[in-house]
């Protein structure tokens, strides 16, 4: 799902708002350290906006809000407390390969797309 999610964001990020880093990469580890998040066992999406950061369901909701249209309906989930949303997020994260499969390859970025990766 991570690869699929990144591809979807890349394809729909018309304002070039988003940049990406694998949490295991040097850049990802630098950000996790700066945010004082677990460097070894962190398996969530992290969205950094200025000095604030969001993880798990909060990050997903903020990202999908940028796409407008029907995606804005997901903001209704903001009325649910984050720990409850994150419980559901964690269930999906734990079962993502079983439910959605695992890709054997990743999108090869063009020079233009390489600018979206840290």
PDB file of N, CA and C in Angstrom:
ATOM      1  N   UNK A   1       0.817  -1.196   0.000  1.00  0.00           N
ATOM      2  CA  UNK A   1       0.000   0.000   0.000  1.00  0.00           C
ATOM      3  C   UNK A   1       0.857   1.255   0.000  1.00  0.00           C
ATOM      4  N   UNK A   2       2.009   1.181   0.636  1.00  0.00           N
ATOM      5  CA  UNK A   2       2.866   2.374   0.686  1.00  0.00           C
ATOM      6  C   UNK A   2       3.246   2.797  -0.723  1.00  0.00           C
ATOM      7  N   UNK A   3       3.717   1.844  -1.528  1.00  0.00           N
ATOM      8  CA  UNK A   3       4.103   2.137  -2.897  1.00  0.00           C
ATOM      9  C   UNK A   3       2.903   2.657  -3.689  1.00  0.00           C
ATOM     10  N   UNK A   4       1.757   2.017  -3.527  1.00  0.00           N
ATOM     11  CA  UNK A   4       0.545   2.450  -4.219  1.00  0.00           C
ATOM     12  C   UNK A   4       0.145   3.838  -3.763  1.00  0.00           C
ATOM     13  N   UNK A   5       0.234   4.090  -2.467  1.00  0.00           N
ATOM     14  CA  UNK A   5      -0.119   5.399  -1.931  1.00  0.00           C
ATOM     15  C   UNK A   5       0.795   6.490  -2.452  1.00  0.00           C
ATOM     16  N   UNK A   6       2.098   6.231  -2.470  1.00  0.00           N
ATOM     17  CA  UNK A   6       3.047   7.213  -2.983  1.00  0.00           C
ATOM     18  C   UNK A   6       2.776   7.486  -4.457  1.00  0.00           C
ATOM     19  N   UNK A   7       2.542   6.438  -5.229  1.00  0.00           N
ATOM     20  CA  UNK A   7       2.236   6.631  -6.650  1.00  0.00           C
ATOM     21  C   UNK A   7       0.973   7.461  -6.841  1.00  0.00           C
ATOM     22  N   UNK A   8      -0.042   7.197  -6.037  1.00  0.00           N
ATOM     23  CA  UNK A   8      -1.286   7.961  -6.153  1.00  0.00           C
ATOM     24  C   UNK A   8      -1.038   9.433  -5.829  1.00  0.00           C
ATOM     25  N   UNK A   9      -0.300   9.678  -4.763  1.00  0.00           N
ATOM     26  CA  UNK A   9      -0.017  11.064  -4.379  1.00  0.00           C
ATOM     27  C   UNK A   9       0.779  11.760  -5.482  1.00  0.00           C
ATOM     28  N   UNK A  10       1.799  11.098  -6.001  1.00  0.00           N
ATOM     29  CA  UNK A  10       2.599  11.680  -7.083  1.00  0.00           C
ATOM     30  C   UNK A  10       1.705  12.047  -8.262  1.00  0.00           C
ATOM     31  N   UNK A  11       0.826  11.147  -8.649  1.00  0.00           N
ATOM     32  CA  UNK A  11      -0.024  11.371  -9.815  1.00  0.00           C
ATOM     33  C   UNK A  11      -1.065  12.467  -9.600  1.00  0.00           C
ATOM     34  N   UNK A  12      -1.428  12.737  -8.349  1.00  0.00           N
ATOM     35  CA  UNK A  12      -2.489  13.706  -8.074  1.00  0.00           C
ATOM     36  C   UNK A  12      -2.012  14.975  -7.375  1.00  0.00           C
ATOM     37  N   UNK A  13      -0.737  15.090  -7.154  1.00  0.00           N
ATOM     38  CA  UNK A  13      -0.166  16.256  -6.476  1.00  0.00           C
ATOM     39  C   UNK A  13       0.131  17.340  -7.508  1.00  0.00           C
ATOM     40  N   UNK A  14      -0.901  18.012  -7.950  1.00  0.00           N
ATOM     41  CA  UNK A  14      -0.768  18.996  -9.034  1.00  0.00           C
ATOM     42  C   UNK A  14       0.011  20.235  -8.610  1.00  0.00           C
ATOM     43  N   UNK A  15       0.058  20.528  -7.302  1.00  0.00           N
ATOM     44  CA  UNK A  15       0.775  21.710  -6.818  1.00  0.00           C
ATOM     45  C   UNK A  15       2.181  21.379  -6.311  1.00  0.00           C
ATOM     46  N   UNK A  16       2.623  20.152  -6.539  1.00  0.00           N
ATOM     47  CA  UNK A  16       3.947  19.710  -6.086  1.00  0.00           C
ATOM     48  C   UNK A  16       4.186  20.039  -4.612  1.00  0.00           C
ATOM     49  N   UNK A  17       3.206  19.749  -3.794  1.00  0.00           N
ATOM     50  CA  UNK A  17       3.302  20.025  -2.363  1.00  0.00           C
ATOM     51  C   UNK A  17       4.103  18.953  -1.636  1.00  0.00           C
ATOM     52  N   UNK A  18       4.022  17.715  -2.090  1.00  0.00           N
ATOM     53  CA  UNK A  18       4.566  16.593  -1.341  1.00  0.00           C
ATOM     54  C   UNK A  18       5.940  16.158  -1.842  1.00  0.00           C
ATOM     55  N   UNK A  19       6.809  15.822  -0.881  1.00  0.00           N
ATOM     56  CA  UNK A  19       8.099  15.198  -1.159  1.00  0.00           C
ATOM     57  C   UNK A  19       8.145  13.931  -0.319  1.00  0.00           C
ATOM     58  N   UNK A  20       8.935  12.966  -0.742  1.00  0.00           N
ATOM     59  CA  UNK A  20       8.927  11.645  -0.131  1.00  0.00           C
ATOM     60  C   UNK A  20      10.309  11.204   0.291  1.00  0.00           C
ATOM     61  N   UNK A  21      10.335  10.418   1.354  1.00  0.00           N
ATOM     62  CA  UNK A  21      11.561   9.753   1.778  1.00  0.00           C
ATOM     63  C   UNK A  21      11.152   8.453   2.446  1.00  0.00           C
ATOM     64  N   UNK A  22      11.863   7.400   2.145  1.00  0.00           N
ATOM     65  CA  UNK A  22      11.672   6.148   2.859  1.00  0.00           C
ATOM     66  C   UNK A  22      12.114   6.377   4.296  1.00  0.00           C
ATOM     67  N   UNK A  23      11.364   5.839   5.241  1.00  0.00           N
ATOM     68  CA  UNK A  23      11.723   6.028   6.645  1.00  0.00           C
ATOM     69  C   UNK A  23      13.058   5.373   6.981  1.00  0.00           C
ATOM     70  N   UNK A  24      13.485   4.393   6.164  1.00  0.00           N
ATOM     71  CA  UNK A  24      14.749   3.712   6.399  1.00  0.00           C
ATOM     72  C   UNK A  24      15.924   4.439   5.750  1.00  0.00           C
ATOM     73  N   UNK A  25      15.637   5.398   4.873  1.00  0.00           N
ATOM     74  CA  UNK A  25      16.714   6.110   4.179  1.00  0.00           C
ATOM     75  C   UNK A  25      17.414   7.082   5.121  1.00  0.00           C
ATOM     76  N   UNK A  26      18.535   7.602   4.681  1.00  0.00           N
ATOM     77  CA  UNK A  26      19.274   8.576   5.490  1.00  0.00           C
ATOM     78  C   UNK A  26      18.402   9.800   5.768  1.00  0.00           C
ATOM     79  N   UNK A  27      17.715  10.296   4.743  1.00  0.00           N
ATOM     80  CA  UNK A  27      16.846  11.463   4.926  1.00  0.00           C
ATOM     81  C   UNK A  27      15.696  11.137   5.873  1.00  0.00           C
ATOM     82  N   UNK A  28      15.082   9.969   5.690  1.00  0.00           N
ATOM     83  CA  UNK A  28      13.977   9.560   6.558  1.00  0.00           C
ATOM     84  C   UNK A  28      14.414   9.429   8.002  1.00  0.00           C
ATOM     85  N   UNK A  29      15.576   8.822   8.220  1.00  0.00           N
ATOM     86  CA  UNK A  29      16.092   8.666   9.579  1.00  0.00           C
ATOM     87  C   UNK A  29      16.403  10.022  10.207  1.00  0.00           C
ATOM     88  N   UNK A  30      16.898  10.948   9.400  1.00  0.00           N
ATOM     89  CA  UNK A  30      17.195  12.293   9.901  1.00  0.00           C
ATOM     90  C   UNK A  30      15.915  12.966  10.407  1.00  0.00           C
ATOM     91  N   UNK A  31      14.852  12.853   9.613  1.00  0.00           N
ATOM     92  CA  UNK A  31      13.580  13.464  10.029  1.00  0.00           C
ATOM     93  C   UNK A  31      12.993  12.765  11.250  1.00  0.00           C
ATOM     94  N   UNK A  32      13.035  11.435  11.271  1.00  0.00           N
ATOM     95  CA  UNK A  32      12.521  10.717  12.439  1.00  0.00           C
ATOM     96  C   UNK A  32      13.269  11.127  13.699  1.00  0.00           C
ATOM     97  N   UNK A  33      14.584  11.257  13.579  1.00  0.00           N
ATOM     98  CA  UNK A  33      15.402  11.675  14.722  1.00  0.00           C
ATOM     99  C   UNK A  33      15.011  13.087  15.164  1.00  0.00           C
ATOM    100  N   UNK A  34      14.892  13.984  14.221  1.00  0.00           N
ATOM    101  CA  UNK A  34      14.523  15.371  14.526  1.00  0.00           C
ATOM    102  C   UNK A  34      13.168  15.439  15.230  1.00  0.00           C
ATOM    103  N   UNK A  35      12.246  14.577  14.819  1.00  0.00           N
ATOM    104  CA  UNK A  35      10.902  14.563  15.395  1.00  0.00           C
ATOM    105  C   UNK A  35      10.818  13.693  16.648  1.00  0.00           C
ATOM    106  N   UNK A  36      11.942  13.085  17.008  1.00  0.00           N
ATOM    107  CA  UNK A  36      12.039  12.200  18.172  1.00  0.00           C
ATOM    108  C   UNK A  36      11.084  11.014  18.065  1.00  0.00           C
ATOM    109  N   UNK A  37      11.027  10.434  16.864  1.00  0.00           N
ATOM    110  CA  UNK A  37      10.228   9.237  16.612  1.00  0.00           C
ATOM    111  C   UNK A  37      11.165   8.035  16.554  1.00  0.00           C
ATOM    112  N   UNK A  38      10.613   6.851  16.766  1.00  0.00           N
ATOM    113  CA  UNK A  38      11.390   5.617  16.786  1.00  0.00           C
ATOM    114  C   UNK A  38      12.141   5.439  15.468  1.00  0.00           C
ATOM    115  N   UNK A  39      13.452   5.288  15.548  1.00  0.00           N
ATOM    116  CA  UNK A  39      14.277   5.162  14.347  1.00  0.00           C
ATOM    117  C   UNK A  39      14.320   3.749  13.787  1.00  0.00           C
ATOM    118  N   UNK A  40      14.006   2.759  14.585  1.00  0.00           N
ATOM    119  CA  UNK A  40      14.182   1.376  14.147  1.00  0.00           C
ATOM    120  C   UNK A  40      12.877   0.672  13.798  1.00  0.00           C
ATOM    121  N   UNK A  41      11.823   0.966  14.476  1.00  0.00           N
ATOM    122  CA  UNK A  41      10.578   0.227  14.282  1.00  0.00           C
ATOM    123  C   UNK A  41       9.421   1.192  14.055  1.00  0.00           C
ATOM    124  N   UNK A  42       9.564   1.993  13.042  1.00  0.00           N
ATOM    125  CA  UNK A  42       8.518   2.959  12.751  1.00  0.00           C
ATOM    126  C   UNK A  42       7.912   2.598  11.411  1.00  0.00           C
ATOM    127  N   UNK A  43       6.639   2.290  11.401  1.00  0.00           N
ATOM    128  CA  UNK A  43       6.008   1.810  10.170  1.00  0.00           C
ATOM    129  C   UNK A  43       4.728   2.563   9.855  1.00  0.00           C
ATOM    130  N   UNK A  44       4.833   3.869   9.829  1.00  0.00           N
ATOM    131  CA  UNK A  44       3.669   4.694   9.551  1.00  0.00           C
ATOM    132  C   UNK A  44       4.052   5.762   8.544  1.00  0.00           C
ATOM    133  N   UNK A  45       3.053   6.283   7.905  1.00  0.00           N
ATOM    134  CA  UNK A  45       3.266   7.465   7.087  1.00  0.00           C
ATOM    135  C   UNK A  45       3.490   8.635   8.045  1.00  0.00           C
ATOM    136  N   UNK A  46       4.407   9.513   7.667  1.00  0.00           N
ATOM    137  CA  UNK A  46       4.676  10.719   8.446  1.00  0.00           C
ATOM    138  C   UNK A  46       4.535  11.902   7.498  1.00  0.00           C
ATOM    139  N   UNK A  47       3.730  12.868   7.886  1.00  0.00           N
ATOM    140  CA  UNK A  47       3.567  14.087   7.103  1.00  0.00           C
ATOM    141  C   UNK A  47       4.138  15.230   7.927  1.00  0.00           C
ATOM    142  N   UNK A  48       5.057  15.967   7.322  1.00  0.00           N
ATOM    143  CA  UNK A  48       5.653  17.113   8.006  1.00  0.00           C
ATOM    144  C   UNK A  48       5.162  18.367   7.295  1.00  0.00           C
ATOM    145  N   UNK A  49       4.568  19.256   8.079  1.00  0.00           N
ATOM    146  CA  UNK A  49       4.101  20.549   7.572  1.00  0.00           C
ATOM    147  C   UNK A  49       4.715  21.634   8.448  1.00  0.00           C
ATOM    148  N   UNK A  50       5.751  22.265   7.943  1.00  0.00           N
ATOM    149  CA  UNK A  50       6.437  23.289   8.733  1.00  0.00           C
ATOM    150  C   UNK A  50       7.054  22.674   9.967  1.00  0.00           C
ATOM    151  N   UNK A  51       6.660  23.162  11.131  1.00  0.00           N
ATOM    152  CA  UNK A  51       7.193  22.651  12.399  1.00  0.00           C
ATOM    153  C   UNK A  51       6.312  21.556  12.997  1.00  0.00           C
ATOM    154  N   UNK A  52       5.191  21.258  12.366  1.00  0.00           N
ATOM    155  CA  UNK A  52       4.273  20.233  12.879  1.00  0.00           C
ATOM    156  C   UNK A  52       4.430  18.953  12.070  1.00  0.00           C
ATOM    157  N   UNK A  53       4.113  17.840  12.715  1.00  0.00           N
ATOM    158  CA  UNK A  53       4.118  16.581  11.981  1.00  0.00           C
ATOM    159  C   UNK A  53       2.900  15.757  12.385  1.00  0.00           C
ATOM    160  N   UNK A  54       2.502  14.882  11.481  1.00  0.00           N
ATOM    161  CA  UNK A  54       1.332  14.029  11.671  1.00  0.00           C
ATOM    162  C   UNK A  54       1.719  12.615  11.277  1.00  0.00           C
ATOM    163  N   UNK A  55       1.174  11.648  11.991  1.00  0.00           N
ATOM    164  CA  UNK A  55       1.440  10.246  11.680  1.00  0.00           C
ATOM    165  C   UNK A  55       0.124   9.510  11.517  1.00  0.00           C
ATOM    166  N   UNK A  56       0.212   8.302  11.019  1.00  0.00           N
ATOM    167  CA  UNK A  56      -0.889   7.369  10.865  1.00  0.00           C
ATOM    168  C   UNK A  56      -2.118   8.037  10.238  1.00  0.00           C
ATOM    169  N   UNK A  57      -3.273   7.859  10.855  1.00  0.00           N
ATOM    170  CA  UNK A  57      -4.521   8.320  10.256  1.00  0.00           C
ATOM    171  C   UNK A  57      -4.565   9.834  10.103  1.00  0.00           C
ATOM    172  N   UNK A  58      -3.962  10.554  11.024  1.00  0.00           N
ATOM    173  CA  UNK A  58      -3.965  12.020  10.925  1.00  0.00           C
ATOM    174  C   UNK A  58      -3.208  12.472   9.680  1.00  0.00           C
ATOM    175  N   UNK A  59      -2.082  11.820   9.381  1.00  0.00           N
ATOM    176  CA  UNK A  59      -1.322  12.148   8.177  1.00  0.00           C
ATOM    177  C   UNK A  59      -2.132  11.813   6.927  1.00  0.00           C
ATOM    178  N   UNK A  60      -2.741  10.644   6.908  1.00  0.00           N
ATOM    179  CA  UNK A  60      -3.531  10.232   5.741  1.00  0.00           C
ATOM    180  C   UNK A  60      -4.669  11.215   5.486  1.00  0.00           C
ATOM    181  N   UNK A  61      -5.367  11.614   6.534  1.00  0.00           N
ATOM    182  CA  UNK A  61      -6.490  12.539   6.362  1.00  0.00           C
ATOM    183  C   UNK A  61      -6.022  13.902   5.857  1.00  0.00           C
ATOM    184  N   UNK A  62      -4.893  14.375   6.332  1.00  0.00           N
ATOM    185  CA  UNK A  62      -4.377  15.668   5.868  1.00  0.00           C
ATOM    186  C   UNK A  62      -3.917  15.570   4.408  1.00  0.00           C
ATOM    187  N   UNK A  63      -3.330  14.449   4.047  1.00  0.00           N
ATOM    188  CA  UNK A  63      -2.883  14.264   2.665  1.00  0.00           C
ATOM    189  C   UNK A  63      -4.081  14.193   1.723  1.00  0.00           C
ATOM    190  N   UNK A  64      -5.051  13.350   2.048  1.00  0.00           N
ATOM    191  CA  UNK A  64      -6.206  13.195   1.146  1.00  0.00           C
ATOM    192  C   UNK A  64      -7.026  14.478   1.058  1.00  0.00           C
ATOM    193  N   UNK A  65      -6.974  15.307   2.073  1.00  0.00           N
ATOM    194  CA  UNK A  65      -7.686  16.583   2.036  1.00  0.00           C
ATOM    195  C   UNK A  65      -7.170  17.477   0.910  1.00  0.00           C
ATOM    196  N   UNK A  66      -5.913  17.312   0.541  1.00  0.00           N
ATOM    197  CA  UNK A  66      -5.319  18.117  -0.527  1.00  0.00           C
ATOM    198  C   UNK A  66      -5.888  17.778  -1.907  1.00  0.00           C
ATOM    199  N   UNK A  67      -6.499  16.609  -2.055  1.00  0.00           N
ATOM    200  CA  UNK A  67      -6.984  16.184  -3.364  1.00  0.00           C
ATOM    201  C   UNK A  67      -8.368  16.707  -3.694  1.00  0.00           C
ATOM    202  N   UNK A  68      -9.099  17.194  -2.707  1.00  0.00           N
ATOM    203  CA  UNK A  68     -10.424  17.752  -2.958  1.00  0.00           C
ATOM    204  C   UNK A  68     -11.424  16.698  -3.397  1.00  0.00           C
ATOM    205  N   UNK A  69     -12.516  17.151  -3.982  1.00  0.00           N
ATOM    206  CA  UNK A  69     -13.561  16.254  -4.467  1.00  0.00           C
ATOM    207  C   UNK A  69     -14.031  15.290  -3.399  1.00  0.00           C
ATOM    208  N   UNK A  70     -14.304  14.053  -3.798  1.00  0.00           N
ATOM    209  CA  UNK A  70     -14.814  13.066  -2.839  1.00  0.00           C
ATOM    210  C   UNK A  70     -13.831  12.751  -1.710  1.00  0.00           C
ATOM    211  N   UNK A  71     -12.553  12.990  -1.937  1.00  0.00           N
ATOM    212  CA  UNK A  71     -11.566  12.743  -0.886  1.00  0.00           C
ATOM    213  C   UNK A  71     -11.842  13.596   0.344  1.00  0.00           C
ATOM    214  N   UNK A  72     -12.427  14.783   0.153  1.00  0.00           N
ATOM    215  CA  UNK A  72     -12.729  15.666   1.287  1.00  0.00           C
ATOM    216  C   UNK A  72     -13.709  15.009   2.252  1.00  0.00           C
ATOM    217  N   UNK A  73     -14.500  14.069   1.764  1.00  0.00           N
ATOM    218  CA  UNK A  73     -15.451  13.377   2.642  1.00  0.00           C
ATOM    219  C   UNK A  73     -14.744  12.600   3.752  1.00  0.00           C
ATOM    220  N   UNK A  74     -13.516  12.203   3.501  1.00  0.00           N
ATOM    221  CA  UNK A  74     -12.770  11.486   4.531  1.00  0.00           C
ATOM    222  C   UNK A  74     -12.538  12.345   5.772  1.00  0.00           C
ATOM    223  N   UNK A  75     -12.642  13.663   5.618  1.00  0.00           N
ATOM    224  CA  UNK A  75     -12.480  14.547   6.771  1.00  0.00           C
ATOM    225  C   UNK A  75     -13.525  14.290   7.842  1.00  0.00           C
ATOM    226  N   UNK A  76     -14.613  13.630   7.478  1.00  0.00           N
ATOM    227  CA  UNK A  76     -15.628  13.267   8.474  1.00  0.00           C
ATOM    228  C   UNK A  76     -15.012  12.377   9.557  1.00  0.00           C
ATOM    229  N   UNK A  77     -13.973  11.628   9.202  1.00  0.00           N
ATOM    230  CA  UNK A  77     -13.315  10.758  10.176  1.00  0.00           C
ATOM    231  C   UNK A  77     -12.572  11.550  11.251  1.00  0.00           C
ATOM    232  N   UNK A  78     -12.374  12.844  11.030  1.00  0.00           N
ATOM    233  CA  UNK A  78     -11.713  13.665  12.042  1.00  0.00           C
ATOM    234  C   UNK A  78     -12.542  13.807  13.314  1.00  0.00           C
ATOM    235  N   UNK A  79     -13.836  13.503  13.239  1.00  0.00           N
ATOM    236  CA  UNK A  79     -14.655  13.573  14.459  1.00  0.00           C
ATOM    237  C   UNK A  79     -14.361  12.397  15.389  1.00  0.00           C
ATOM    238  N   UNK A  80     -13.721  11.369  14.840  1.00  0.00           N
ATOM    239  CA  UNK A  80     -13.331  10.208  15.643  1.00  0.00           C
ATOM    240  C   UNK A  80     -11.965  10.521  16.257  1.00  0.00           C
ATOM    241  N   UNK A  81     -11.815  10.254  17.525  1.00  0.00           N
ATOM    242  CA  UNK A  81     -10.548  10.524  18.203  1.00  0.00           C
ATOM    243  C   UNK A  81      -9.415   9.759  17.521  1.00  0.00           C
ATOM    244  N   UNK A  82      -8.248  10.389  17.447  1.00  0.00           N
ATOM    245  CA  UNK A  82      -7.084   9.818  16.769  1.00  0.00           C
ATOM    246  C   UNK A  82      -6.728   8.413  17.249  1.00  0.00           C
ATOM    247  N   UNK A  83      -6.766   8.108  18.553  1.00  0.00           N
ATOM    248  CA  UNK A  83      -6.416   6.738  18.963  1.00  0.00           C
ATOM    249  C   UNK A  83      -7.334   5.675  18.352  1.00  0.00           C
ATOM    250  N   UNK A  84      -8.604   6.000  18.173  1.00  0.00           N
ATOM    251  CA  UNK A  84      -9.539   5.047  17.548  1.00  0.00           C
ATOM    252  C   UNK A  84      -9.214   4.927  16.061  1.00  0.00           C
ATOM    253  N   UNK A  85      -9.003   6.061  15.398  1.00  0.00           N
ATOM    254  CA  UNK A  85      -8.633   6.034  13.969  1.00  0.00           C
ATOM    255  C   UNK A  85      -7.330   5.269  13.778  1.00  0.00           C
ATOM    256  N   UNK A  86      -6.371   5.507  14.662  1.00  0.00           N
ATOM    257  CA  UNK A  86      -5.068   4.846  14.539  1.00  0.00           C
ATOM    258  C   UNK A  86      -5.162   3.350  14.802  1.00  0.00           C
ATOM    259  N   UNK A  87      -6.086   2.938  15.652  1.00  0.00           N
ATOM    260  CA  UNK A  87      -6.316   1.511  15.874  1.00  0.00           C
ATOM    261  C   UNK A  87      -6.724   0.868  14.545  1.00  0.00           C
ATOM    262  N   UNK A  88      -7.635   1.498  13.821  1.00  0.00           N
ATOM    263  CA  UNK A  88      -8.066   0.989  12.508  1.00  0.00           C
ATOM    264  C   UNK A  88      -6.922   1.064  11.495  1.00  0.00           C
ATOM    265  N   UNK A  89      -6.171   2.158  11.525  1.00  0.00           N
ATOM    266  CA  UNK A  89      -5.020   2.314  10.643  1.00  0.00           C
ATOM    267  C   UNK A  89      -4.035   1.163  10.859  1.00  0.00           C
ATOM    268  N   UNK A  90      -3.763   0.848  12.122  1.00  0.00           N
ATOM    269  CA  UNK A  90      -2.809  -0.218  12.442  1.00  0.00           C
ATOM    270  C   UNK A  90      -3.292  -1.585  11.979  1.00  0.00           C
ATOM    271  N   UNK A  91      -4.586  -1.839  12.055  1.00  0.00           N
ATOM    272  CA  UNK A  91      -5.140  -3.106  11.545  1.00  0.00           C
ATOM    273  C   UNK A  91      -4.889  -3.206  10.043  1.00  0.00           C
ATOM    274  N   UNK A  92      -5.161  -2.125   9.329  1.00  0.00           N
ATOM    275  CA  UNK A  92      -4.931  -2.121   7.880  1.00  0.00           C
ATOM    276  C   UNK A  92      -3.441  -2.287   7.588  1.00  0.00           C
ATOM    277  N   UNK A  93      -2.593  -1.565   8.320  1.00  0.00           N
ATOM    278  CA  UNK A  93      -1.144  -1.648   8.098  1.00  0.00           C
ATOM    279  C   UNK A  93      -0.619  -3.065   8.330  1.00  0.00           C
ATOM    280  N   UNK A  94      -1.113  -3.713   9.379  1.00  0.00           N
ATOM    281  CA  UNK A  94      -0.650  -5.080   9.696  1.00  0.00           C
ATOM    282  C   UNK A  94      -1.081  -6.095   8.644  1.00  0.00           C
ATOM    283  N   UNK A  95      -2.211  -5.856   8.010  1.00  0.00           N
ATOM    284  CA  UNK A  95      -2.771  -6.829   7.067  1.00  0.00           C
ATOM    285  C   UNK A  95      -2.655  -6.403   5.606  1.00  0.00           C
ATOM    286  N   UNK A  96      -1.927  -5.335   5.334  1.00  0.00           N
ATOM    287  CA  UNK A  96      -1.921  -4.768   3.984  1.00  0.00           C
ATOM    288  C   UNK A  96      -1.441  -5.753   2.927  1.00  0.00           C
ATOM    289  N   UNK A  97      -0.411  -6.537   3.220  1.00  0.00           N
ATOM    290  CA  UNK A  97       0.079  -7.474   2.208  1.00  0.00           C
ATOM    291  C   UNK A  97      -0.917  -8.598   1.971  1.00  0.00           C
ATOM    292  N   UNK A  98      -1.550  -9.066   3.031  1.00  0.00           N
ATOM    293  CA  UNK A  98      -2.532 -10.135   2.899  1.00  0.00           C
ATOM    294  C   UNK A  98      -3.742  -9.652   2.088  1.00  0.00           C
ATOM    295  N   UNK A  99      -4.199  -8.439   2.355  1.00  0.00           N
ATOM    296  CA  UNK A  99      -5.400  -7.919   1.712  1.00  0.00           C
ATOM    297  C   UNK A  99      -5.152  -7.315   0.332  1.00  0.00           C
ATOM    298  N   UNK A 100      -4.005  -6.662   0.158  1.00  0.00           N
ATOM    299  CA  UNK A 100      -3.772  -5.909  -1.076  1.00  0.00           C
ATOM    300  C   UNK A 100      -2.619  -6.452  -1.910  1.00  0.00           C
ATOM    301  N   UNK A 101      -1.894  -7.443  -1.394  1.00  0.00           N
ATOM    302  CA  UNK A 101      -0.768  -8.008  -2.120  1.00  0.00           C
ATOM    303  C   UNK A 101       0.491  -7.171  -1.949  1.00  0.00           C
ATOM    304  N   UNK A 102       1.579  -7.701  -2.463  1.00  0.00           N
ATOM    305  CA  UNK A 102       2.870  -7.029  -2.346  1.00  0.00           C
ATOM    306  C   UNK A 102       3.471  -6.925  -3.730  1.00  0.00           C
ATOM    307  N   UNK A 103       3.946  -5.750  -4.063  1.00  0.00           N
ATOM    308  CA  UNK A 103       4.545  -5.543  -5.376  1.00  0.00           C
ATOM    309  C   UNK A 103       6.000  -5.986  -5.345  1.00  0.00           C
ATOM    310  N   UNK A 104       6.446  -6.541  -6.451  1.00  0.00           N
ATOM    311  CA  UNK A 104       7.834  -6.984  -6.557  1.00  0.00           C
ATOM    312  C   UNK A 104       8.735  -5.896  -7.113  1.00  0.00           C
ATOM    313  N   UNK A 105       8.132  -4.823  -7.613  1.00  0.00           N
ATOM    314  CA  UNK A 105       8.933  -3.740  -8.174  1.00  0.00           C
ATOM    315  C   UNK A 105       8.294  -2.406  -7.826  1.00  0.00           C
ATOM    316  N   UNK A 106       9.094  -1.374  -7.927  1.00  0.00           N
ATOM    317  CA  UNK A 106       8.628  -0.021  -7.644  1.00  0.00           C
ATOM    318  C   UNK A 106       8.715   0.808  -8.914  1.00  0.00           C
ATOM    319  N   UNK A 107       7.987   1.884  -8.922  1.00  0.00           N
ATOM    320  CA  UNK A 107       8.022   2.826 -10.030  1.00  0.00           C
ATOM    321  C   UNK A 107       9.433   3.404 -10.129  1.00  0.00           C
ATOM    322  N   UNK A 108       9.960   3.448 -11.341  1.00  0.00           N
ATOM    323  CA  UNK A 108      11.272   4.046 -11.555  1.00  0.00           C
ATOM    324  C   UNK A 108      11.028   5.523 -11.856  1.00  0.00           C
ATOM    325  N   UNK A 109      11.532   6.399 -10.985  1.00  0.00           N
ATOM    326  CA  UNK A 109      11.242   7.819 -11.186  1.00  0.00           C
ATOM    327  C   UNK A 109      12.019   8.419 -12.354  1.00  0.00           C
ATOM    328  N   UNK A 110      11.324   9.272 -13.091  1.00  0.00           N
ATOM    329  CA  UNK A 110      11.976  10.058 -14.131  1.00  0.00           C
ATOM    330  C   UNK A 110      12.793  11.143 -13.435  1.00  0.00           C
ATOM    331  N   UNK A 111      13.596  11.891 -14.201  1.00  0.00           N
ATOM    332  CA  UNK A 111      14.362  12.986 -13.604  1.00  0.00           C
ATOM    333  C   UNK A 111      13.419  13.975 -12.923  1.00  0.00           C
ATOM    334  N   UNK A 112      12.292  14.234 -13.553  1.00  0.00           N
ATOM    335  CA  UNK A 112      11.303  15.167 -12.985  1.00  0.00           C
ATOM    336  C   UNK A 112      10.770  14.642 -11.651  1.00  0.00           C
ATOM    337  N   UNK A 113      10.485  13.348 -11.593  1.00  0.00           N
ATOM    338  CA  UNK A 113       9.954  12.765 -10.366  1.00  0.00           C
ATOM    339  C   UNK A 113      11.005  12.651  -9.271  1.00  0.00           C
ATOM    340  N   UNK A 114      12.268  12.558  -9.642  1.00  0.00           N
ATOM    341  CA  UNK A 114      13.325  12.462  -8.636  1.00  0.00           C
ATOM    342  C   UNK A 114      13.339  13.670  -7.714  1.00  0.00           C
ATOM    343  N   UNK A 115      12.830  14.817  -8.205  1.00  0.00           N
ATOM    344  CA  UNK A 115      12.758  16.024  -7.375  1.00  0.00           C
ATOM    345  C   UNK A 115      11.778  15.865  -6.227  1.00  0.00           C
ATOM    346  N   UNK A 116      10.880  14.874  -6.304  1.00  0.00           N
ATOM    347  CA  UNK A 116       9.895  14.649  -5.261  1.00  0.00           C
ATOM    348  C   UNK A 116      10.437  13.780  -4.132  1.00  0.00           C
ATOM    349  N   UNK A 117      11.659  13.288  -4.278  1.00  0.00           N
ATOM    350  CA  UNK A 117      12.242  12.398  -3.271  1.00  0.00           C
ATOM    351  C   UNK A 117      13.432  13.069  -2.597  1.00  0.00           C
ATOM    352  N   UNK A 118      13.489  12.910  -1.280  1.00  0.00           N
ATOM    353  CA  UNK A 118      14.589  13.514  -0.513  1.00  0.00           C
ATOM    354  C   UNK A 118      15.783  12.577  -0.466  1.00  0.00           C
TER     355      UNK A 118
END
